Amino acid sequence: MKRLILSFLARAALLGFIAGGWLYGLSMVALNSPVNLSASDDQSVLWDVPAGGRLGDINRQLHAKGIIRYPQLISLYAILFQKTTVIAGEYSIETSDTPKTLLQKFNRGEVMQHSITFPEGWSFQMWISHLSQIAQFEKDIAMGPVELLRRAGVTQVNPEGWLFPDTYSYTSASSVVDIIKQAYLKMQSTLSQEWALRAVGLPYNSQYDALIMASIIEKETGLVSEMPVIAGVFVRRLALGMRLQTDPSVIYGMADRYHGNITRADLRRPTAYNTYTIDGLPPTPIAMPSANAIRAALHPEQGSSLYFVARGDGGHYFSSTLEEHNEAVQRYQIRQRNKNYQSSPK
């Protein structure tokens, strides 16, 4: 009797071993077979995994679309080998993929990366407008700027100047808050590093003053080589008690009233940003400055020039006296009639 029981157990073990091997082999075939994208004319398909998505549900959905076979076997393999982690985001399924490589992508979070660029000199409103053009950010924009800034940890009352202009990567799981937070932290870091290395004797009471100055410099010229020179002009004006008289700040203060030209009436009309009528710096930055503009504000070029005028080729002519400046204005403003005249670089 004992011998019969042992024989039965041995046969059962053998059958179990064979069945297990068969099941494992079938799983390997299921895992390593190419995915089926025949329903698509493209060589790849974008697949969005929502936050909190479960592997079993995803496998069933992929099977329903005809992309994979045997979803239960794939899920069982993932459970046995502890590979059920799924990171939310948008994935690219290629014709070269197999269920196993897809599983690896889900586990590692190999999501599609997108990018968005914010040029130097843009205002906060331009940032929001740019972000609103991306469909996935529409709900975030609907929160309103106050809530977006609060969630991003921006503590300043006015966000102007506090977001670093750069190209930022994002995924389908990213939010506007994620991008603003990155830009805010990068500006804080950049400003602090440059402030620590600043030249001595600057007429700034705080880092914020330097940020305001940098934003003005950014809007005055697109030539990096000119930025320290323009910074020198403005720093000397502040030291002498002269008004900055910078058109970009006037334009910022005009807001929707600006339609491409500044009149004499605009220069006389008082606003918080009209540097023709106020002393010192305006109350906030007027744009998001680059690292080059910040560096220039904190390392102005030494010299005697107090005035500058656009030459018409993208650069400026600098003068030390008002008489020289007036002559330069007369000379270069006439050239505006030339179709090649430009007040800033292309």
C-alpha atoms as a PDB file:
ATOM      1  CA  MET A   1       0.000   0.000   0.000  1.00  0.00           C
ATOM      2  CA  LYS A   2       2.799   2.335   0.929  1.00  0.00           C
ATOM      3  CA  ARG A   3       4.513   1.545  -2.342  1.00  0.00           C
ATOM      4  CA  LEU A   4       1.344   2.380  -4.286  1.00  0.00           C
ATOM      5  CA  ILE A   5       1.016   5.737  -2.492  1.00  0.00           C
ATOM      6  CA  LEU A   6       4.645   6.618  -3.247  1.00  0.00           C
ATOM      7  CA  SER A   7       4.172   5.615  -6.877  1.00  0.00           C
ATOM      8  CA  PHE A   8       1.047   7.786  -7.101  1.00  0.00           C
ATOM      9  CA  LEU A   9       2.809  10.732  -5.554  1.00  0.00           C
ATOM     10  CA  ALA A  10       5.756  10.343  -7.912  1.00  0.00           C
ATOM     11  CA  ARG A  11       3.464  10.287 -10.926  1.00  0.00           C
ATOM     12  CA  ALA A  12       1.535  13.289  -9.628  1.00  0.00           C
ATOM     13  CA  ALA A  13       4.780  15.177  -9.088  1.00  0.00           C
ATOM     14  CA  LEU A  14       5.922  14.300 -12.590  1.00  0.00           C
ATOM     15  CA  LEU A  15       2.617  15.408 -14.062  1.00  0.00           C
ATOM     16  CA  GLY A  16       2.787  18.603 -12.011  1.00  0.00           C
ATOM     17  CA  PHE A  17       6.316  19.224 -13.229  1.00  0.00           C
ATOM     18  CA  ILE A  18       5.277  18.648 -16.831  1.00  0.00           C
ATOM     19  CA  ALA A  19       2.203  20.865 -16.420  1.00  0.00           C
ATOM     20  CA  GLY A  20       4.284  23.562 -14.749  1.00  0.00           C
ATOM     21  CA  GLY A  21       6.838  23.392 -17.541  1.00  0.00           C
ATOM     22  CA  TRP A  22       4.111  23.564 -20.134  1.00  0.00           C
ATOM     23  CA  LEU A  23       2.515  26.537 -18.387  1.00  0.00           C
ATOM     24  CA  TYR A  24       5.877  28.266 -18.068  1.00  0.00           C
ATOM     25  CA  GLY A  25       6.656  27.631 -21.724  1.00  0.00           C
ATOM     26  CA  LEU A  26       3.268  28.993 -22.748  1.00  0.00           C
ATOM     27  CA  SER A  27       3.877  32.052 -20.585  1.00  0.00           C
ATOM     28  CA  MET A  28       7.248  32.633 -22.234  1.00  0.00           C
ATOM     29  CA  VAL A  29       5.674  32.360 -25.666  1.00  0.00           C
ATOM     30  CA  ALA A  30       2.973  34.832 -24.611  1.00  0.00           C
ATOM     31  CA  LEU A  31       5.535  37.195 -23.109  1.00  0.00           C
ATOM     32  CA  ASN A  32       7.974  37.138 -26.012  1.00  0.00           C
ATOM     33  CA  SER A  33       5.598  37.154 -28.958  1.00  0.00           C
ATOM     34  CA  PRO A  34       5.538  40.444 -30.906  1.00  0.00           C
ATOM     35  CA  VAL A  35       2.631  42.762 -30.185  1.00  0.00           C
ATOM     36  CA  ASN A  36       0.023  43.185 -32.901  1.00  0.00           C
ATOM     37  CA  LEU A  37      -0.348  46.715 -34.274  1.00  0.00           C
ATOM     38  CA  SER A  38      -2.044  45.643 -37.501  1.00  0.00           C
ATOM     39  CA  ALA A  39      -5.069  47.791 -36.612  1.00  0.00           C
ATOM     40  CA  SER A  40      -2.853  50.874 -36.880  1.00  0.00           C
ATOM     41  CA  ASP A  41      -1.187  52.230 -40.010  1.00  0.00           C
ATOM     42  CA  ASP A  42       1.706  53.551 -37.912  1.00  0.00           C
ATOM     43  CA  GLN A  43       4.757  51.754 -36.612  1.00  0.00           C
ATOM     44  CA  SER A  44       3.832  52.705 -33.065  1.00  0.00           C
ATOM     45  CA  VAL A  45       0.803  53.374 -30.883  1.00  0.00           C
ATOM     46  CA  LEU A  46       0.566  55.788 -27.970  1.00  0.00           C
ATOM     47  CA  TRP A  47      -0.953  54.226 -24.863  1.00  0.00           C
ATOM     48  CA  ASP A  48      -1.912  56.337 -21.859  1.00  0.00           C
ATOM     49  CA  VAL A  49      -1.763  54.773 -18.413  1.00  0.00           C
ATOM     50  CA  PRO A  50      -3.765  56.812 -15.898  1.00  0.00           C
ATOM     51  CA  ALA A  51      -2.645  57.463 -12.340  1.00  0.00           C
ATOM     52  CA  GLY A  52      -3.587  54.456 -10.212  1.00  0.00           C
ATOM     53  CA  GLY A  53      -3.918  52.176 -13.235  1.00  0.00           C
ATOM     54  CA  ARG A  54      -3.595  48.435 -12.447  1.00  0.00           C
ATOM     55  CA  LEU A  55      -1.626  46.017 -14.590  1.00  0.00           C
ATOM     56  CA  GLY A  56      -4.502  43.524 -14.856  1.00  0.00           C
ATOM     57  CA  ASP A  57      -6.843  46.192 -16.218  1.00  0.00           C
ATOM     58  CA  ILE A  58      -4.191  47.466 -18.631  1.00  0.00           C
ATOM     59  CA  ASN A  59      -3.527  43.948 -19.964  1.00  0.00           C
ATOM     60  CA  ARG A  60      -7.245  43.382 -20.528  1.00  0.00           C
ATOM     61  CA  GLN A  61      -7.515  46.702 -22.378  1.00  0.00           C
ATOM     62  CA  LEU A  62      -4.497  45.869 -24.554  1.00  0.00           C
ATOM     63  CA  HIS A  63      -6.063  42.481 -25.301  1.00  0.00           C
ATOM     64  CA  ALA A  64      -9.388  44.098 -26.199  1.00  0.00           C
ATOM     65  CA  LYS A  65      -7.538  46.222 -28.768  1.00  0.00           C
ATOM     66  CA  GLY A  66      -5.895  43.088 -30.166  1.00  0.00           C
ATOM     67  CA  ILE A  67      -2.407  44.264 -29.206  1.00  0.00           C
ATOM     68  CA  ILE A  68      -1.542  41.337 -26.890  1.00  0.00           C
ATOM     69  CA  ARG A  69      -2.751  37.755 -26.390  1.00  0.00           C
ATOM     70  CA  TYR A  70      -3.172  35.833 -23.127  1.00  0.00           C
ATOM     71  CA  PRO A  71      -3.536  38.787 -20.746  1.00  0.00           C
ATOM     72  CA  GLN A  72      -4.143  36.484 -17.747  1.00  0.00           C
ATOM     73  CA  LEU A  73      -0.846  34.652 -18.285  1.00  0.00           C
ATOM     74  CA  ILE A  74       1.036  37.944 -18.525  1.00  0.00           C
ATOM     75  CA  SER A  75      -0.595  39.185 -15.325  1.00  0.00           C
ATOM     76  CA  LEU A  76       0.202  35.882 -13.554  1.00  0.00           C
ATOM     77  CA  TYR A  77       3.855  36.125 -14.587  1.00  0.00           C
ATOM     78  CA  ALA A  78       4.013  39.693 -13.265  1.00  0.00           C
ATOM     79  CA  ILE A  79       2.529  38.611  -9.913  1.00  0.00           C
ATOM     80  CA  LEU A  80       4.905  35.646  -9.525  1.00  0.00           C
ATOM     81  CA  PHE A  81       7.991  37.744 -10.300  1.00  0.00           C
ATOM     82  CA  GLN A  82       6.776  40.879  -8.481  1.00  0.00           C
ATOM     83  CA  LYS A  83       6.606  43.017 -11.616  1.00  0.00           C
ATOM     84  CA  THR A  84       3.130  44.483 -11.158  1.00  0.00           C
ATOM     85  CA  THR A  85       4.300  48.094 -10.636  1.00  0.00           C
ATOM     86  CA  VAL A  86       2.844  50.458 -13.228  1.00  0.00           C
ATOM     87  CA  ILE A  87       3.932  54.104 -13.505  1.00  0.00           C
ATOM     88  CA  ALA A  88       1.388  56.487 -14.952  1.00  0.00           C
ATOM     89  CA  GLY A  89       2.136  58.254 -18.222  1.00  0.00           C
ATOM     90  CA  GLU A  90       2.031  57.988 -21.982  1.00  0.00           C
ATOM     91  CA  TYR A  91       3.878  55.040 -23.532  1.00  0.00           C
ATOM     92  CA  SER A  92       4.915  54.319 -27.088  1.00  0.00           C
ATOM     93  CA  ILE A  93       4.146  50.743 -28.138  1.00  0.00           C
ATOM     94  CA  GLU A  94       6.408  49.808 -31.054  1.00  0.00           C
ATOM     95  CA  THR A  95       6.095  46.961 -33.546  1.00  0.00           C
ATOM     96  CA  SER A  96       9.319  45.577 -32.059  1.00  0.00           C
ATOM     97  CA  ASP A  97       7.753  45.383 -28.590  1.00  0.00           C
ATOM     98  CA  THR A  98       6.611  42.227 -26.844  1.00  0.00           C
ATOM     99  CA  PRO A  99       4.423  41.940 -23.740  1.00  0.00           C
ATOM    100  CA  LYS A 100       7.630  41.435 -21.754  1.00  0.00           C
ATOM    101  CA  THR A 101       9.245  44.650 -23.033  1.00  0.00           C
ATOM    102  CA  LEU A 102       5.964  46.487 -22.434  1.00  0.00           C
ATOM    103  CA  LEU A 103       5.961  45.182 -18.874  1.00  0.00           C
ATOM    104  CA  GLN A 104       9.508  46.482 -18.455  1.00  0.00           C
ATOM    105  CA  LYS A 105       8.447  49.906 -19.757  1.00  0.00           C
ATOM    106  CA  PHE A 106       5.530  50.040 -17.316  1.00  0.00           C
ATOM    107  CA  ASN A 107       7.766  48.967 -14.416  1.00  0.00           C
ATOM    108  CA  ARG A 108      10.514  51.486 -15.199  1.00  0.00           C
ATOM    109  CA  GLY A 109       8.224  54.338 -16.178  1.00  0.00           C
ATOM    110  CA  GLU A 110       9.679  54.725 -19.677  1.00  0.00           C
ATOM    111  CA  VAL A 111       7.030  57.276 -20.563  1.00  0.00           C
ATOM    112  CA  MET A 112       7.005  59.623 -23.539  1.00  0.00           C
ATOM    113  CA  GLN A 113       8.820  62.886 -22.845  1.00  0.00           C
ATOM    114  CA  HIS A 114       7.547  66.159 -24.265  1.00  0.00           C
ATOM    115  CA  SER A 115       9.105  69.600 -23.990  1.00  0.00           C
ATOM    116  CA  ILE A 116       7.910  73.192 -23.759  1.00  0.00           C
ATOM    117  CA  THR A 117      10.095  76.272 -24.208  1.00  0.00           C
ATOM    118  CA  PHE A 118       9.691  79.675 -22.591  1.00  0.00           C
ATOM    119  CA  PRO A 119      11.938  82.299 -24.248  1.00  0.00           C
ATOM    120  CA  GLU A 120      13.764  84.965 -22.275  1.00  0.00           C
ATOM    121  CA  GLY A 121      11.820  88.156 -21.745  1.00  0.00           C
ATOM    122  CA  TRP A 122       8.345  86.648 -21.685  1.00  0.00           C
ATOM    123  CA  SER A 123       5.872  87.864 -19.074  1.00  0.00           C
ATOM    124  CA  PHE A 124       3.953  85.632 -16.680  1.00  0.00           C
ATOM    125  CA  GLN A 125       0.810  86.158 -18.747  1.00  0.00           C
ATOM    126  CA  MET A 126       2.653  84.933 -21.845  1.00  0.00           C
ATOM    127  CA  TRP A 127       3.706  81.802 -19.943  1.00  0.00           C
ATOM    128  CA  ILE A 128       0.102  81.061 -19.007  1.00  0.00           C
ATOM    129  CA  SER A 129      -1.077  81.679 -22.571  1.00  0.00           C
ATOM    130  CA  HIS A 130       1.618  79.325 -23.918  1.00  0.00           C
ATOM    131  CA  LEU A 131       0.695  76.582 -21.442  1.00  0.00           C
ATOM    132  CA  SER A 132      -2.987  76.918 -22.274  1.00  0.00           C
ATOM    133  CA  GLN A 133      -2.241  75.829 -25.860  1.00  0.00           C
ATOM    134  CA  ILE A 134      -1.516  72.296 -24.622  1.00  0.00           C
ATOM    135  CA  ALA A 135      -4.684  70.240 -24.238  1.00  0.00           C
ATOM    136  CA  GLN A 136      -3.616  68.328 -21.133  1.00  0.00           C
ATOM    137  CA  PHE A 137      -3.066  71.594 -19.247  1.00  0.00           C
ATOM    138  CA  GLU A 138      -6.489  73.118 -19.908  1.00  0.00           C
ATOM    139  CA  LYS A 139      -7.953  71.920 -16.594  1.00  0.00           C
ATOM    140  CA  ASP A 140      -4.950  73.251 -14.675  1.00  0.00           C
ATOM    141  CA  ILE A 141      -5.204  76.671 -16.317  1.00  0.00           C
ATOM    142  CA  ALA A 142      -8.875  76.778 -15.328  1.00  0.00           C
ATOM    143  CA  MET A 143      -7.793  76.891 -11.660  1.00  0.00           C
ATOM    144  CA  GLY A 144      -6.580  80.424 -12.168  1.00  0.00           C
ATOM    145  CA  PRO A 145      -3.085  81.835 -11.597  1.00  0.00           C
ATOM    146  CA  VAL A 146      -3.498  82.396  -7.847  1.00  0.00           C
ATOM    147  CA  GLU A 147      -4.245  78.734  -7.142  1.00  0.00           C
ATOM    148  CA  LEU A 148      -1.581  77.507  -9.580  1.00  0.00           C
ATOM    149  CA  LEU A 149       1.069  79.620  -7.877  1.00  0.00           C
ATOM    150  CA  ARG A 150      -0.058  78.550  -4.414  1.00  0.00           C
ATOM    151  CA  ARG A 151       0.205  74.871  -5.332  1.00  0.00           C
ATOM    152  CA  ALA A 152       3.610  75.456  -6.927  1.00  0.00           C
ATOM    153  CA  GLY A 153       4.891  77.040  -3.716  1.00  0.00           C
ATOM    154  CA  VAL A 154       5.439  80.508  -5.217  1.00  0.00           C
ATOM    155  CA  THR A 155       5.268  82.724  -2.137  1.00  0.00           C
ATOM    156  CA  GLN A 156       5.735  86.077  -3.873  1.00  0.00           C
ATOM    157  CA  VAL A 157       2.604  88.199  -4.326  1.00  0.00           C
ATOM    158  CA  ASN A 158       3.590  89.010  -7.924  1.00  0.00           C
ATOM    159  CA  PRO A 159       5.109  86.078  -9.918  1.00  0.00           C
ATOM    160  CA  GLU A 160       6.629  88.312 -12.599  1.00  0.00           C
ATOM    161  CA  GLY A 161      10.334  87.625 -12.974  1.00  0.00           C
ATOM    162  CA  TRP A 162      10.351  84.570 -10.714  1.00  0.00           C
ATOM    163  CA  LEU A 163      10.152  81.833 -13.393  1.00  0.00           C
ATOM    164  CA  PHE A 164      13.363  80.884 -15.176  1.00  0.00           C
ATOM    165  CA  PRO A 165      13.086  80.942 -18.991  1.00  0.00           C
ATOM    166  CA  ASP A 166      14.161  77.562 -20.317  1.00  0.00           C
ATOM    167  CA  THR A 167      12.969  74.350 -21.996  1.00  0.00           C
ATOM    168  CA  TYR A 168      11.185  71.994 -19.607  1.00  0.00           C
ATOM    169  CA  SER A 169      10.338  68.329 -20.070  1.00  0.00           C
ATOM    170  CA  TYR A 170       6.958  66.924 -19.118  1.00  0.00           C
ATOM    171  CA  THR A 171       4.908  63.750 -19.511  1.00  0.00           C
ATOM    172  CA  SER A 172       1.207  63.092 -19.930  1.00  0.00           C
ATOM    173  CA  ALA A 173       1.036  62.777 -16.135  1.00  0.00           C
ATOM    174  CA  SER A 174       2.613  66.209 -15.530  1.00  0.00           C
ATOM    175  CA  SER A 175       0.704  69.332 -14.553  1.00  0.00           C
ATOM    176  CA  VAL A 176       1.175  73.076 -14.965  1.00  0.00           C
ATOM    177  CA  VAL A 177       2.063  73.157 -11.270  1.00  0.00           C
ATOM    178  CA  ASP A 178       4.988  70.777 -11.944  1.00  0.00           C
ATOM    179  CA  ILE A 179       6.406  73.070 -14.635  1.00  0.00           C
ATOM    180  CA  ILE A 180       5.924  76.282 -12.659  1.00  0.00           C
ATOM    181  CA  LYS A 181       7.549  74.709  -9.609  1.00  0.00           C
ATOM    182  CA  GLN A 182      10.601  73.668 -11.660  1.00  0.00           C
ATOM    183  CA  ALA A 183      10.931  77.129 -13.188  1.00  0.00           C
ATOM    184  CA  TYR A 184      10.483  78.867  -9.830  1.00  0.00           C
ATOM    185  CA  LEU A 185      13.092  76.759  -8.054  1.00  0.00           C
ATOM    186  CA  LYS A 186      15.540  77.216 -10.931  1.00  0.00           C
ATOM    187  CA  MET A 187      15.146  81.002 -10.847  1.00  0.00           C
ATOM    188  CA  GLN A 188      15.621  81.075  -7.077  1.00  0.00           C
ATOM    189  CA  SER A 189      18.767  78.963  -7.385  1.00  0.00           C
ATOM    190  CA  THR A 190      20.188  81.001 -10.280  1.00  0.00           C
ATOM    191  CA  LEU A 191      19.513  84.340  -8.605  1.00  0.00           C
ATOM    192  CA  SER A 192      21.018  83.221  -5.284  1.00  0.00           C
ATOM    193  CA  GLN A 193      24.175  81.893  -6.935  1.00  0.00           C
ATOM    194  CA  GLU A 194      24.711  85.063  -8.978  1.00  0.00           C
ATOM    195  CA  TRP A 195      23.914  87.305  -6.001  1.00  0.00           C
ATOM    196  CA  ALA A 196      26.618  85.593  -3.951  1.00  0.00           C
ATOM    197  CA  LEU A 197      29.183  86.527  -6.630  1.00  0.00           C
ATOM    198  CA  ARG A 198      27.949  90.086  -7.239  1.00  0.00           C
ATOM    199  CA  ALA A 199      30.243  93.069  -7.700  1.00  0.00           C
ATOM    200  CA  VAL A 200      30.690  95.475  -4.802  1.00  0.00           C
ATOM    201  CA  GLY A 201      28.985  98.839  -4.517  1.00  0.00           C
ATOM    202  CA  LEU A 202      25.822  98.020  -6.422  1.00  0.00           C
ATOM    203  CA  PRO A 203      22.719 100.184  -5.785  1.00  0.00           C
ATOM    204  CA  TYR A 204      20.506  97.229  -4.859  1.00  0.00           C
ATOM    205  CA  ASN A 205      18.966  96.628  -1.444  1.00  0.00           C
ATOM    206  CA  SER A 206      18.076  93.002  -2.169  1.00  0.00           C
ATOM    207  CA  GLN A 207      18.192  90.176  -4.667  1.00  0.00           C
ATOM    208  CA  TYR A 208      14.753  91.283  -5.792  1.00  0.00           C
ATOM    209  CA  ASP A 209      16.119  94.672  -6.883  1.00  0.00           C
ATOM    210  CA  ALA A 210      18.682  92.830  -9.006  1.00  0.00           C
ATOM    211  CA  LEU A 211      15.913  90.693 -10.512  1.00  0.00           C
ATOM    212  CA  ILE A 212      13.955  93.827 -11.434  1.00  0.00           C
ATOM    213  CA  MET A 213      17.027  95.340 -13.070  1.00  0.00           C
ATOM    214  CA  ALA A 214      17.772  92.092 -14.927  1.00  0.00           C
ATOM    215  CA  SER A 215      14.253  92.051 -16.382  1.00  0.00           C
ATOM    216  CA  ILE A 216      14.722  95.585 -17.734  1.00  0.00           C
ATOM    217  CA  ILE A 217      18.079  94.664 -19.254  1.00  0.00           C
ATOM    218  CA  GLU A 218      16.499  91.584 -20.822  1.00  0.00           C
ATOM    219  CA  LYS A 219      13.856  93.698 -22.549  1.00  0.00           C
ATOM    220  CA  GLU A 220      16.297  96.399 -23.671  1.00  0.00           C
ATOM    221  CA  THR A 221      18.568  94.145 -25.744  1.00  0.00           C
ATOM    222  CA  GLY A 222      18.768  90.683 -27.212  1.00  0.00           C
ATOM    223  CA  LEU A 223      22.554  90.882 -27.501  1.00  0.00           C
ATOM    224  CA  VAL A 224      24.264  89.151 -24.594  1.00  0.00           C
ATOM    225  CA  SER A 225      27.420  91.184 -25.243  1.00  0.00           C
ATOM    226  CA  GLU A 226      25.485  94.430 -24.676  1.00  0.00           C
ATOM    227  CA  MET A 227      23.827  93.416 -21.423  1.00  0.00           C
ATOM    228  CA  PRO A 228      26.696  94.421 -19.062  1.00  0.00           C
ATOM    229  CA  VAL A 229      27.044  97.742 -20.937  1.00  0.00           C
ATOM    230  CA  ILE A 230      23.344  98.557 -20.533  1.00  0.00           C
ATOM    231  CA  ALA A 231      23.523  97.440 -16.910  1.00  0.00           C
ATOM    232  CA  GLY A 232      26.366  99.926 -16.435  1.00  0.00           C
ATOM    233  CA  VAL A 233      24.239 102.751 -17.867  1.00  0.00           C
ATOM    234  CA  PHE A 234      21.324 102.032 -15.523  1.00  0.00           C
ATOM    235  CA  VAL A 235      23.517 101.537 -12.455  1.00  0.00           C
ATOM    236  CA  ARG A 236      25.223 104.890 -13.076  1.00  0.00           C
ATOM    237  CA  ARG A 237      21.838 106.576 -13.528  1.00  0.00           C
ATOM    238  CA  LEU A 238      20.661 105.208 -10.181  1.00  0.00           C
ATOM    239  CA  ALA A 239      23.889 106.304  -8.497  1.00  0.00           C
ATOM    240  CA  LEU A 240      23.472 109.852  -9.881  1.00  0.00           C
ATOM    241  CA  GLY A 241      19.805 110.052  -8.938  1.00  0.00           C
ATOM    242  CA  MET A 242      18.714 110.072 -12.569  1.00  0.00           C
ATOM    243  CA  ARG A 243      15.517 108.375 -13.672  1.00  0.00           C
ATOM    244  CA  LEU A 244      15.937 105.156 -15.630  1.00  0.00           C
ATOM    245  CA  GLN A 245      13.681 106.320 -18.479  1.00  0.00           C
ATOM    246  CA  THR A 246      13.445 102.881 -20.032  1.00  0.00           C
ATOM    247  CA  ASP A 247      10.705 102.270 -22.604  1.00  0.00           C
ATOM    248  CA  PRO A 248      10.112  98.556 -21.820  1.00  0.00           C
ATOM    249  CA  SER A 249       8.933  99.395 -18.308  1.00  0.00           C
ATOM    250  CA  VAL A 250       6.582 102.040 -19.701  1.00  0.00           C
ATOM    251  CA  ILE A 251       5.152  99.471 -22.120  1.00  0.00           C
ATOM    252  CA  TYR A 252       4.673  96.984 -19.276  1.00  0.00           C
ATOM    253  CA  GLY A 253       2.774  99.600 -17.289  1.00  0.00           C
ATOM    254  CA  MET A 254       0.569 100.409 -20.272  1.00  0.00           C
ATOM    255  CA  ALA A 255      -0.616  96.775 -20.435  1.00  0.00           C
ATOM    256  CA  ASP A 256      -3.483  96.464 -22.947  1.00  0.00           C
ATOM    257  CA  ARG A 257      -3.184 100.121 -23.907  1.00  0.00           C
ATOM    258  CA  TYR A 258       0.053  99.391 -25.757  1.00  0.00           C
ATOM    259  CA  HIS A 259      -0.490  98.822 -29.483  1.00  0.00           C
ATOM    260  CA  GLY A 260       3.038  99.014 -30.846  1.00  0.00           C
ATOM    261  CA  ASN A 261       3.956 102.654 -30.274  1.00  0.00           C
ATOM    262  CA  ILE A 262       4.702 104.933 -27.314  1.00  0.00           C
ATOM    263  CA  THR A 263       3.540 108.531 -27.545  1.00  0.00           C
ATOM    264  CA  ARG A 264       4.713 111.551 -25.594  1.00  0.00           C
ATOM    265  CA  ALA A 265       1.435 111.386 -23.706  1.00  0.00           C
ATOM    266  CA  ASP A 266       2.291 107.806 -22.681  1.00  0.00           C
ATOM    267  CA  LEU A 267       5.647 108.968 -21.329  1.00  0.00           C
ATOM    268  CA  ARG A 268       3.913 111.632 -19.246  1.00  0.00           C
ATOM    269  CA  ARG A 269       1.070 109.432 -18.003  1.00  0.00           C
ATOM    270  CA  PRO A 270       1.922 108.240 -14.466  1.00  0.00           C
ATOM    271  CA  THR A 271       1.942 104.509 -13.760  1.00  0.00           C
ATOM    272  CA  ALA A 272       3.882 102.482 -11.220  1.00  0.00           C
ATOM    273  CA  TYR A 273       6.127 101.341 -14.090  1.00  0.00           C
ATOM    274  CA  ASN A 274       6.642 104.637 -15.909  1.00  0.00           C
ATOM    275  CA  THR A 275      10.328 105.188 -15.250  1.00  0.00           C
ATOM    276  CA  TYR A 276      10.061 108.604 -16.921  1.00  0.00           C
ATOM    277  CA  THR A 277       7.920 109.790 -14.002  1.00  0.00           C
ATOM    278  CA  ILE A 278       9.091 107.644 -11.049  1.00  0.00           C
ATOM    279  CA  ASP A 279      12.454 107.575  -9.302  1.00  0.00           C
ATOM    280  CA  GLY A 280      14.465 104.383  -9.009  1.00  0.00           C
ATOM    281  CA  LEU A 281      13.323 100.921 -10.005  1.00  0.00           C
ATOM    282  CA  PRO A 282       9.745  99.928 -10.829  1.00  0.00           C
ATOM    283  CA  PRO A 283       7.962  97.875  -8.124  1.00  0.00           C
ATOM    284  CA  THR A 284       8.372  94.455  -9.799  1.00  0.00           C
ATOM    285  CA  PRO A 285      10.226  92.839 -12.683  1.00  0.00           C
ATOM    286  CA  ILE A 286       8.676  93.382 -16.088  1.00  0.00           C
ATOM    287  CA  ALA A 287       9.627  89.991 -17.585  1.00  0.00           C
ATOM    288  CA  MET A 288      11.384  86.699 -16.900  1.00  0.00           C
ATOM    289  CA  PRO A 289      15.119  87.451 -17.254  1.00  0.00           C
ATOM    290  CA  SER A 290      17.794  85.044 -18.429  1.00  0.00           C
ATOM    291  CA  ALA A 291      20.883  84.052 -16.456  1.00  0.00           C
ATOM    292  CA  ASN A 292      22.900  86.368 -18.718  1.00  0.00           C
ATOM    293  CA  ALA A 293      20.706  89.344 -17.820  1.00  0.00           C
ATOM    294  CA  ILE A 294      20.935  88.545 -14.106  1.00  0.00           C
ATOM    295  CA  ARG A 295      24.697  88.230 -14.364  1.00  0.00           C
ATOM    296  CA  ALA A 296      24.898  91.555 -16.192  1.00  0.00           C
ATOM    297  CA  ALA A 297      22.779  93.304 -13.553  1.00  0.00           C
ATOM    298  CA  LEU A 298      25.175  92.067 -10.882  1.00  0.00           C
ATOM    299  CA  HIS A 299      28.338  92.728 -12.921  1.00  0.00           C
ATOM    300  CA  PRO A 300      27.704  95.998 -14.799  1.00  0.00           C
ATOM    301  CA  GLU A 301      30.445  97.166 -17.123  1.00  0.00           C
ATOM    302  CA  GLN A 302      32.480 100.109 -15.920  1.00  0.00           C
ATOM    303  CA  GLY A 303      32.399 103.249 -18.049  1.00  0.00           C
ATOM    304  CA  SER A 304      30.913 106.724 -18.416  1.00  0.00           C
ATOM    305  CA  SER A 305      27.980 106.219 -20.769  1.00  0.00           C
ATOM    306  CA  LEU A 306      24.582 107.357 -19.515  1.00  0.00           C
ATOM    307  CA  TYR A 307      22.502 107.075 -22.680  1.00  0.00           C
ATOM    308  CA  PHE A 308      21.930 104.671 -25.547  1.00  0.00           C
ATOM    309  CA  VAL A 309      19.849 104.520 -28.701  1.00  0.00           C
ATOM    310  CA  ALA A 310      19.054 101.654 -31.079  1.00  0.00           C
ATOM    311  CA  ARG A 311      21.306 101.780 -34.146  1.00  0.00           C
ATOM    312  CA  GLY A 312      18.831  99.933 -36.330  1.00  0.00           C
ATOM    313  CA  ASP A 313      20.923  96.783 -36.773  1.00  0.00           C
ATOM    314  CA  GLY A 314      19.925  95.173 -33.497  1.00  0.00           C
ATOM    315  CA  GLY A 315      22.599  96.891 -31.409  1.00  0.00           C
ATOM    316  CA  HIS A 316      22.833 100.242 -29.603  1.00  0.00           C
ATOM    317  CA  TYR A 317      24.972 103.353 -29.689  1.00  0.00           C
ATOM    318  CA  PHE A 318      26.135 104.498 -26.239  1.00  0.00           C
ATOM    319  CA  SER A 319      26.808 108.118 -25.254  1.00  0.00           C
ATOM    320  CA  SER A 320      28.308 109.795 -22.207  1.00  0.00           C
ATOM    321  CA  THR A 321      26.674 113.201 -22.700  1.00  0.00           C
ATOM    322  CA  LEU A 322      23.156 114.308 -23.536  1.00  0.00           C
ATOM    323  CA  GLU A 323      24.458 116.329 -26.483  1.00  0.00           C
ATOM    324  CA  GLU A 324      26.133 113.271 -27.985  1.00  0.00           C
ATOM    325  CA  HIS A 325      23.016 111.220 -27.322  1.00  0.00           C
ATOM    326  CA  ASN A 326      20.757 113.725 -29.054  1.00  0.00           C
ATOM    327  CA  GLU A 327      23.036 113.681 -32.096  1.00  0.00           C
ATOM    328  CA  ALA A 328      22.913 109.865 -32.099  1.00  0.00           C
ATOM    329  CA  VAL A 329      19.126 109.910 -31.877  1.00  0.00           C
ATOM    330  CA  GLN A 330      18.978 112.292 -34.827  1.00  0.00           C
ATOM    331  CA  ARG A 331      21.347 110.118 -36.846  1.00  0.00           C
ATOM    332  CA  TYR A 332      19.891 106.693 -36.101  1.00  0.00           C
ATOM    333  CA  GLN A 333      16.210 107.570 -35.900  1.00  0.00           C
ATOM    334  CA  ILE A 334      16.335 108.789 -39.496  1.00  0.00           C
ATOM    335  CA  ARG A 335      17.453 105.310 -40.464  1.00  0.00           C
ATOM    336  CA  GLN A 336      14.144 103.924 -39.228  1.00  0.00           C
ATOM    337  CA  ARG A 337      12.808 104.820 -42.637  1.00  0.00           C
ATOM    338  CA  ASN A 338      15.122 102.222 -44.115  1.00  0.00           C
ATOM    339  CA  LYS A 339      13.324  98.904 -44.490  1.00  0.00           C
ATOM    340  CA  ASN A 340      16.312  97.097 -42.955  1.00  0.00           C
ATOM    341  CA  TYR A 341      16.086  99.007 -39.695  1.00  0.00           C
ATOM    342  CA  GLN A 342      15.471  96.897 -36.620  1.00  0.00           C
ATOM    343  CA  SER A 343      15.503  98.009 -32.989  1.00  0.00           C
ATOM    344  CA  SER A 344      16.405  94.556 -31.703  1.00  0.00           C
ATOM    345  CA  PRO A 345      18.226  91.487 -33.067  1.00  0.00           C
ATOM    346  CA  LYS A 346      16.327  89.042 -35.213  1.00  0.00           C
END
